[in-house]
Amino acid sequence: MAAMITPPGAGVKDKKRAILEATLAVLRERGLSGLKMEEVARRAEVGKGTIYLYFRDKRDLLKALVEERTWAFYREVEEVVRRKAPFFVRLEEVLRRRLAWVQEWRGLWAAVAREAMDDPTPWLKGLHEHYLRLLEELVRSGQSEGAVRASLSPRATAAVIAAMGCTPSLEVEAYLEHLMEVLRKGVEP
């Protein structure tokens, strides 16, 4: 039987991921004020000092968590935007994933970002800009297939979609259904 060889860096990625996942779990349960490095280490099954091998301090850990979760979401959105499917099918899937992401963070995202940096505004705008570009690409593809009025600005329409898919005031499915109806009526030729 051949011995399993672990690729270089695999253990590092696993530990780093475990630390980030443990951080998110503690944040969900205890909130930002209850985030203790000892608890993160215990849940990640690493020594407290191991956390500091990957992250300078709590702020660095929180910034890495926001970036990791945000870029994971953006990769999902990019896959949906570039899928071969009708515009409204892709739009609904993007919004469904956006609402799931918002629910996952349950209001923690902005607080974590603020805690991670003195002024997170430029950094957050930079992250959000990528999402807007993906939505703009989606709108342009909808215009190409004739599902979205050509007279609409792709940039402005992307910004409206981004803003509308943030804070559901109804049960998620009801909100998504209503949001899709509003968007369909608003963008169809």
C-alpha atoms as a PDB file:
ATOM      1  CA  MET A   1       0.000   0.000   0.000  1.00  0.00           C
ATOM      2  CA  ALA A   2       1.445   3.387  -1.044  1.00  0.00           C
ATOM      3  CA  ALA A   3       2.043   6.008   1.604  1.00  0.00           C
ATOM      4  CA  MET A   4      -0.080   9.159   1.390  1.00  0.00           C
ATOM      5  CA  ILE A   5       2.008  12.239   0.781  1.00  0.00           C
ATOM      6  CA  THR A   6       0.632  15.546   1.978  1.00  0.00           C
ATOM      7  CA  PRO A   7       1.237  18.351  -0.514  1.00  0.00           C
ATOM      8  CA  PRO A   8       3.505  21.157   0.752  1.00  0.00           C
ATOM      9  CA  GLY A   9       1.492  23.801   2.588  1.00  0.00           C
ATOM     10  CA  ALA A  10      -1.624  21.629   2.945  1.00  0.00           C
ATOM     11  CA  GLY A  11      -1.348  21.497   6.735  1.00  0.00           C
ATOM     12  CA  VAL A  12      -0.877  25.254   6.877  1.00  0.00           C
ATOM     13  CA  LYS A  13      -4.021  25.837   4.799  1.00  0.00           C
ATOM     14  CA  ASP A  14      -5.979  23.363   6.920  1.00  0.00           C
ATOM     15  CA  LYS A  15      -4.930  25.047  10.180  1.00  0.00           C
ATOM     16  CA  LYS A  16      -5.579  28.515   8.840  1.00  0.00           C
ATOM     17  CA  ARG A  17      -9.010  27.464   7.561  1.00  0.00           C
ATOM     18  CA  ALA A  18      -9.799  25.778  10.902  1.00  0.00           C
ATOM     19  CA  ILE A  19      -8.878  28.988  12.735  1.00  0.00           C
ATOM     20  CA  LEU A  20     -11.068  31.105  10.447  1.00  0.00           C
ATOM     21  CA  GLU A  21     -14.010  28.687  10.770  1.00  0.00           C
ATOM     22  CA  ALA A  22     -13.615  28.586  14.549  1.00  0.00           C
ATOM     23  CA  THR A  23     -13.534  32.389  14.637  1.00  0.00           C
ATOM     24  CA  LEU A  24     -16.787  32.579  12.695  1.00  0.00           C
ATOM     25  CA  ALA A  25     -18.416  30.012  14.993  1.00  0.00           C
ATOM     26  CA  VAL A  26     -17.409  31.951  18.112  1.00  0.00           C
ATOM     27  CA  LEU A  27     -18.616  35.213  16.561  1.00  0.00           C
ATOM     28  CA  ARG A  28     -22.001  33.674  15.755  1.00  0.00           C
ATOM     29  CA  GLU A  29     -22.435  32.326  19.263  1.00  0.00           C
ATOM     30  CA  ARG A  30     -20.914  35.055  21.389  1.00  0.00           C
ATOM     31  CA  GLY A  31     -20.700  38.124  19.199  1.00  0.00           C
ATOM     32  CA  LEU A  32     -17.719  40.354  18.708  1.00  0.00           C
ATOM     33  CA  SER A  33     -17.357  41.212  22.388  1.00  0.00           C
ATOM     34  CA  GLY A  34     -17.245  37.500  23.248  1.00  0.00           C
ATOM     35  CA  LEU A  35     -14.494  36.657  20.771  1.00  0.00           C
ATOM     36  CA  LYS A  36     -11.553  35.277  22.759  1.00  0.00           C
ATOM     37  CA  MET A  37      -8.448  33.844  21.126  1.00  0.00           C
ATOM     38  CA  GLU A  38      -8.373  30.992  23.673  1.00  0.00           C
ATOM     39  CA  GLU A  39     -11.838  29.891  22.543  1.00  0.00           C
ATOM     40  CA  VAL A  40     -10.888  30.152  18.873  1.00  0.00           C
ATOM     41  CA  ALA A  41      -7.792  28.028  19.497  1.00  0.00           C
ATOM     42  CA  ARG A  42      -9.783  25.424  21.423  1.00  0.00           C
ATOM     43  CA  ARG A  43     -12.393  25.111  18.670  1.00  0.00           C
ATOM     44  CA  ALA A  44      -9.787  25.042  15.920  1.00  0.00           C
ATOM     45  CA  GLU A  45      -7.922  22.360  17.897  1.00  0.00           C
ATOM     46  CA  VAL A  46      -4.676  24.307  17.817  1.00  0.00           C
ATOM     47  CA  GLY A  47      -2.582  25.984  20.482  1.00  0.00           C
ATOM     48  CA  LYS A  48      -3.264  29.673  21.082  1.00  0.00           C
ATOM     49  CA  GLY A  49       0.247  30.469  19.850  1.00  0.00           C
ATOM     50  CA  THR A  50      -0.534  28.765  16.535  1.00  0.00           C
ATOM     51  CA  ILE A  51      -3.074  31.490  15.778  1.00  0.00           C
ATOM     52  CA  TYR A  52      -0.266  34.045  15.962  1.00  0.00           C
ATOM     53  CA  LEU A  53       1.759  32.104  13.400  1.00  0.00           C
ATOM     54  CA  TYR A  54      -0.929  32.990  10.849  1.00  0.00           C
ATOM     55  CA  PHE A  55      -2.351  36.274  12.160  1.00  0.00           C
ATOM     56  CA  ARG A  56      -0.552  39.206  13.836  1.00  0.00           C
ATOM     57  CA  ASP A  57      -3.409  39.907  16.235  1.00  0.00           C
ATOM     58  CA  LYS A  58      -7.193  39.762  16.596  1.00  0.00           C
ATOM     59  CA  ARG A  59      -7.647  42.601  14.109  1.00  0.00           C
ATOM     60  CA  ASP A  60      -5.600  40.767  11.494  1.00  0.00           C
ATOM     61  CA  LEU A  61      -7.639  37.612  12.123  1.00  0.00           C
ATOM     62  CA  LEU A  62     -10.924  39.494  11.723  1.00  0.00           C
ATOM     63  CA  LYS A  63      -9.775  41.197   8.532  1.00  0.00           C
ATOM     64  CA  ALA A  64      -8.696  37.831   7.113  1.00  0.00           C
ATOM     65  CA  LEU A  65     -12.081  36.343   8.033  1.00  0.00           C
ATOM     66  CA  VAL A  66     -14.000  39.111   6.251  1.00  0.00           C
ATOM     67  CA  GLU A  67     -11.775  38.805   3.192  1.00  0.00           C
ATOM     68  CA  GLU A  68     -11.946  35.003   3.082  1.00  0.00           C
ATOM     69  CA  ARG A  69     -15.732  34.834   3.433  1.00  0.00           C
ATOM     70  CA  THR A  70     -16.309  37.736   1.041  1.00  0.00           C
ATOM     71  CA  TRP A  71     -14.052  36.336  -1.686  1.00  0.00           C
ATOM     72  CA  ALA A  72     -15.643  32.904  -1.298  1.00  0.00           C
ATOM     73  CA  PHE A  73     -19.023  34.542  -1.895  1.00  0.00           C
ATOM     74  CA  TYR A  74     -17.675  36.452  -4.905  1.00  0.00           C
ATOM     75  CA  ARG A  75     -16.308  33.226  -6.429  1.00  0.00           C
ATOM     76  CA  GLU A  76     -19.799  31.720  -6.112  1.00  0.00           C
ATOM     77  CA  VAL A  77     -21.353  34.798  -7.729  1.00  0.00           C
ATOM     78  CA  GLU A  78     -18.805  34.759 -10.555  1.00  0.00           C
ATOM     79  CA  GLU A  79     -19.619  31.116 -11.296  1.00  0.00           C
ATOM     80  CA  VAL A  80     -23.352  31.924 -11.458  1.00  0.00           C
ATOM     81  CA  VAL A  81     -22.881  35.083 -13.561  1.00  0.00           C
ATOM     82  CA  ARG A  82     -20.835  33.178 -16.150  1.00  0.00           C
ATOM     83  CA  ARG A  83     -23.099  30.133 -16.256  1.00  0.00           C
ATOM     84  CA  LYS A  84     -24.964  29.436 -19.482  1.00  0.00           C
ATOM     85  CA  ALA A  85     -28.508  30.116 -18.287  1.00  0.00           C
ATOM     86  CA  PRO A  86     -31.175  32.759 -18.871  1.00  0.00           C
ATOM     87  CA  PHE A  87     -30.604  36.123 -17.194  1.00  0.00           C
ATOM     88  CA  PHE A  88     -33.444  35.882 -14.662  1.00  0.00           C
ATOM     89  CA  VAL A  89     -32.410  32.374 -13.603  1.00  0.00           C
ATOM     90  CA  ARG A  90     -28.883  33.625 -12.921  1.00  0.00           C
ATOM     91  CA  LEU A  91     -30.125  36.807 -11.247  1.00  0.00           C
ATOM     92  CA  GLU A  92     -32.349  34.840  -8.876  1.00  0.00           C
ATOM     93  CA  GLU A  93     -29.474  32.506  -7.994  1.00  0.00           C
ATOM     94  CA  VAL A  94     -27.130  35.443  -7.336  1.00  0.00           C
ATOM     95  CA  LEU A  95     -29.731  37.051  -5.067  1.00  0.00           C
ATOM     96  CA  ARG A  96     -30.410  33.750  -3.307  1.00  0.00           C
ATOM     97  CA  ARG A  97     -26.698  33.406  -2.552  1.00  0.00           C
ATOM     98  CA  ARG A  98     -26.479  37.062  -1.494  1.00  0.00           C
ATOM     99  CA  LEU A  99     -29.343  36.626   0.976  1.00  0.00           C
ATOM    100  CA  ALA A 100     -27.746  33.442   2.339  1.00  0.00           C
ATOM    101  CA  TRP A 101     -24.464  35.319   2.788  1.00  0.00           C
ATOM    102  CA  VAL A 102     -26.240  38.177   4.573  1.00  0.00           C
ATOM    103  CA  GLN A 103     -28.006  35.671   6.827  1.00  0.00           C
ATOM    104  CA  GLU A 104     -24.738  33.872   7.533  1.00  0.00           C
ATOM    105  CA  TRP A 105     -23.199  37.053   8.908  1.00  0.00           C
ATOM    106  CA  ARG A 106     -26.370  38.145  10.750  1.00  0.00           C
ATOM    107  CA  GLY A 107     -25.266  41.732  11.096  1.00  0.00           C
ATOM    108  CA  LEU A 108     -21.711  40.873  12.157  1.00  0.00           C
ATOM    109  CA  TRP A 109     -19.975  41.754   8.899  1.00  0.00           C
ATOM    110  CA  ALA A 110     -19.864  45.539   9.353  1.00  0.00           C
ATOM    111  CA  ALA A 111     -18.966  45.262  13.052  1.00  0.00           C
ATOM    112  CA  VAL A 112     -16.167  42.794  12.315  1.00  0.00           C
ATOM    113  CA  ALA A 113     -14.853  44.997   9.502  1.00  0.00           C
ATOM    114  CA  ARG A 114     -14.886  48.069  11.779  1.00  0.00           C
ATOM    115  CA  GLU A 115     -13.078  46.141  14.502  1.00  0.00           C
ATOM    116  CA  ALA A 116     -10.488  44.916  12.003  1.00  0.00           C
ATOM    117  CA  MET A 117      -9.447  48.391  10.892  1.00  0.00           C
ATOM    118  CA  ASP A 118      -9.538  51.968  12.122  1.00  0.00           C
ATOM    119  CA  ASP A 119     -11.131  53.135   8.860  1.00  0.00           C
ATOM    120  CA  PRO A 120     -12.365  50.156   6.845  1.00  0.00           C
ATOM    121  CA  THR A 121     -14.235  52.325   4.324  1.00  0.00           C
ATOM    122  CA  PRO A 122     -11.677  52.242   1.451  1.00  0.00           C
ATOM    123  CA  TRP A 123     -10.991  48.544   2.005  1.00  0.00           C
ATOM    124  CA  LEU A 124     -14.714  47.682   2.102  1.00  0.00           C
ATOM    125  CA  LYS A 125     -15.401  49.807  -0.983  1.00  0.00           C
ATOM    126  CA  GLY A 126     -12.641  47.917  -2.761  1.00  0.00           C
ATOM    127  CA  LEU A 127     -14.210  44.585  -1.848  1.00  0.00           C
ATOM    128  CA  HIS A 128     -17.695  45.781  -2.838  1.00  0.00           C
ATOM    129  CA  GLU A 129     -16.408  47.103  -6.161  1.00  0.00           C
ATOM    130  CA  HIS A 130     -15.666  43.541  -7.266  1.00  0.00           C
ATOM    131  CA  TYR A 131     -19.272  42.508  -6.520  1.00  0.00           C
ATOM    132  CA  LEU A 132     -20.577  45.505  -8.488  1.00  0.00           C
ATOM    133  CA  ARG A 133     -18.419  44.565 -11.483  1.00  0.00           C
ATOM    134  CA  LEU A 134     -19.835  41.025 -11.399  1.00  0.00           C
ATOM    135  CA  LEU A 135     -23.398  42.361 -11.264  1.00  0.00           C
ATOM    136  CA  GLU A 136     -22.596  44.752 -14.097  1.00  0.00           C
ATOM    137  CA  GLU A 137     -21.375  41.793 -16.154  1.00  0.00           C
ATOM    138  CA  LEU A 138     -24.644  39.989 -15.370  1.00  0.00           C
ATOM    139  CA  VAL A 139     -26.731  43.008 -16.441  1.00  0.00           C
ATOM    140  CA  ARG A 140     -24.773  43.376 -19.689  1.00  0.00           C
ATOM    141  CA  SER A 141     -25.328  39.701 -20.472  1.00  0.00           C
ATOM    142  CA  GLY A 142     -29.044  40.225 -19.779  1.00  0.00           C
ATOM    143  CA  GLN A 143     -29.028  43.116 -22.223  1.00  0.00           C
ATOM    144  CA  SER A 144     -27.256  40.955 -24.834  1.00  0.00           C
ATOM    145  CA  GLU A 145     -29.907  38.264 -24.558  1.00  0.00           C
ATOM    146  CA  GLY A 146     -32.738  40.838 -24.706  1.00  0.00           C
ATOM    147  CA  ALA A 147     -33.982  40.239 -21.156  1.00  0.00           C
ATOM    148  CA  VAL A 148     -32.888  43.671 -19.888  1.00  0.00           C
ATOM    149  CA  ARG A 149     -33.702  47.008 -21.524  1.00  0.00           C
ATOM    150  CA  ALA A 150     -30.712  48.272 -23.484  1.00  0.00           C
ATOM    151  CA  SER A 151     -31.391  51.830 -22.271  1.00  0.00           C
ATOM    152  CA  LEU A 152     -30.578  50.930 -18.654  1.00  0.00           C
ATOM    153  CA  SER A 153     -27.124  51.753 -17.355  1.00  0.00           C
ATOM    154  CA  PRO A 154     -25.428  48.449 -16.439  1.00  0.00           C
ATOM    155  CA  ARG A 155     -23.497  50.198 -13.640  1.00  0.00           C
ATOM    156  CA  ALA A 156     -26.548  51.868 -12.090  1.00  0.00           C
ATOM    157  CA  THR A 157     -28.655  48.709 -12.460  1.00  0.00           C
ATOM    158  CA  ALA A 158     -25.900  46.674 -10.795  1.00  0.00           C
ATOM    159  CA  ALA A 159     -25.826  49.162  -7.902  1.00  0.00           C
ATOM    160  CA  VAL A 160     -29.614  48.891  -7.488  1.00  0.00           C
ATOM    161  CA  ILE A 161     -29.457  45.085  -7.491  1.00  0.00           C
ATOM    162  CA  ALA A 162     -26.637  45.160  -4.924  1.00  0.00           C
ATOM    163  CA  ALA A 163     -28.594  47.503  -2.664  1.00  0.00           C
ATOM    164  CA  MET A 164     -31.856  45.587  -2.936  1.00  0.00           C
ATOM    165  CA  GLY A 165     -30.370  42.236  -2.050  1.00  0.00           C
ATOM    166  CA  CYS A 166     -29.102  43.223   1.378  1.00  0.00           C
ATOM    167  CA  THR A 167     -31.658  43.243   4.151  1.00  0.00           C
ATOM    168  CA  PRO A 168     -34.720  41.060   3.787  1.00  0.00           C
ATOM    169  CA  SER A 169     -37.630  42.370   5.824  1.00  0.00           C
ATOM    170  CA  LEU A 170     -39.721  39.291   5.093  1.00  0.00           C
ATOM    171  CA  GLU A 171     -39.048  35.575   5.226  1.00  0.00           C
ATOM    172  CA  VAL A 172     -36.232  34.952   2.738  1.00  0.00           C
ATOM    173  CA  GLU A 173     -38.253  33.065   0.099  1.00  0.00           C
ATOM    174  CA  ALA A 174     -41.086  35.625   0.163  1.00  0.00           C
ATOM    175  CA  TYR A 175     -38.563  38.462  -0.029  1.00  0.00           C
ATOM    176  CA  LEU A 176     -36.717  36.828  -2.918  1.00  0.00           C
ATOM    177  CA  GLU A 177     -39.968  36.201  -4.818  1.00  0.00           C
ATOM    178  CA  HIS A 178     -41.061  39.823  -4.393  1.00  0.00           C
ATOM    179  CA  LEU A 179     -37.604  41.166  -5.212  1.00  0.00           C
ATOM    180  CA  MET A 180     -37.509  39.146  -8.428  1.00  0.00           C
ATOM    181  CA  GLU A 181     -40.941  40.441  -9.424  1.00  0.00           C
ATOM    182  CA  VAL A 182     -39.879  44.059  -8.816  1.00  0.00           C
ATOM    183  CA  LEU A 183     -36.634  43.581 -10.740  1.00  0.00           C
ATOM    184  CA  ARG A 184     -38.311  41.713 -13.601  1.00  0.00           C
ATOM    185  CA  LYS A 185     -40.892  44.480 -14.068  1.00  0.00           C
ATOM    186  CA  GLY A 186     -38.209  47.146 -13.746  1.00  0.00           C
ATOM    187  CA  VAL A 187     -35.678  45.823 -16.234  1.00  0.00           C
ATOM    188  CA  GLU A 188     -37.649  43.944 -18.878  1.00  0.00           C
ATOM    189  CA  PRO A 189     -37.930  45.618 -22.280  1.00  0.00           C
END
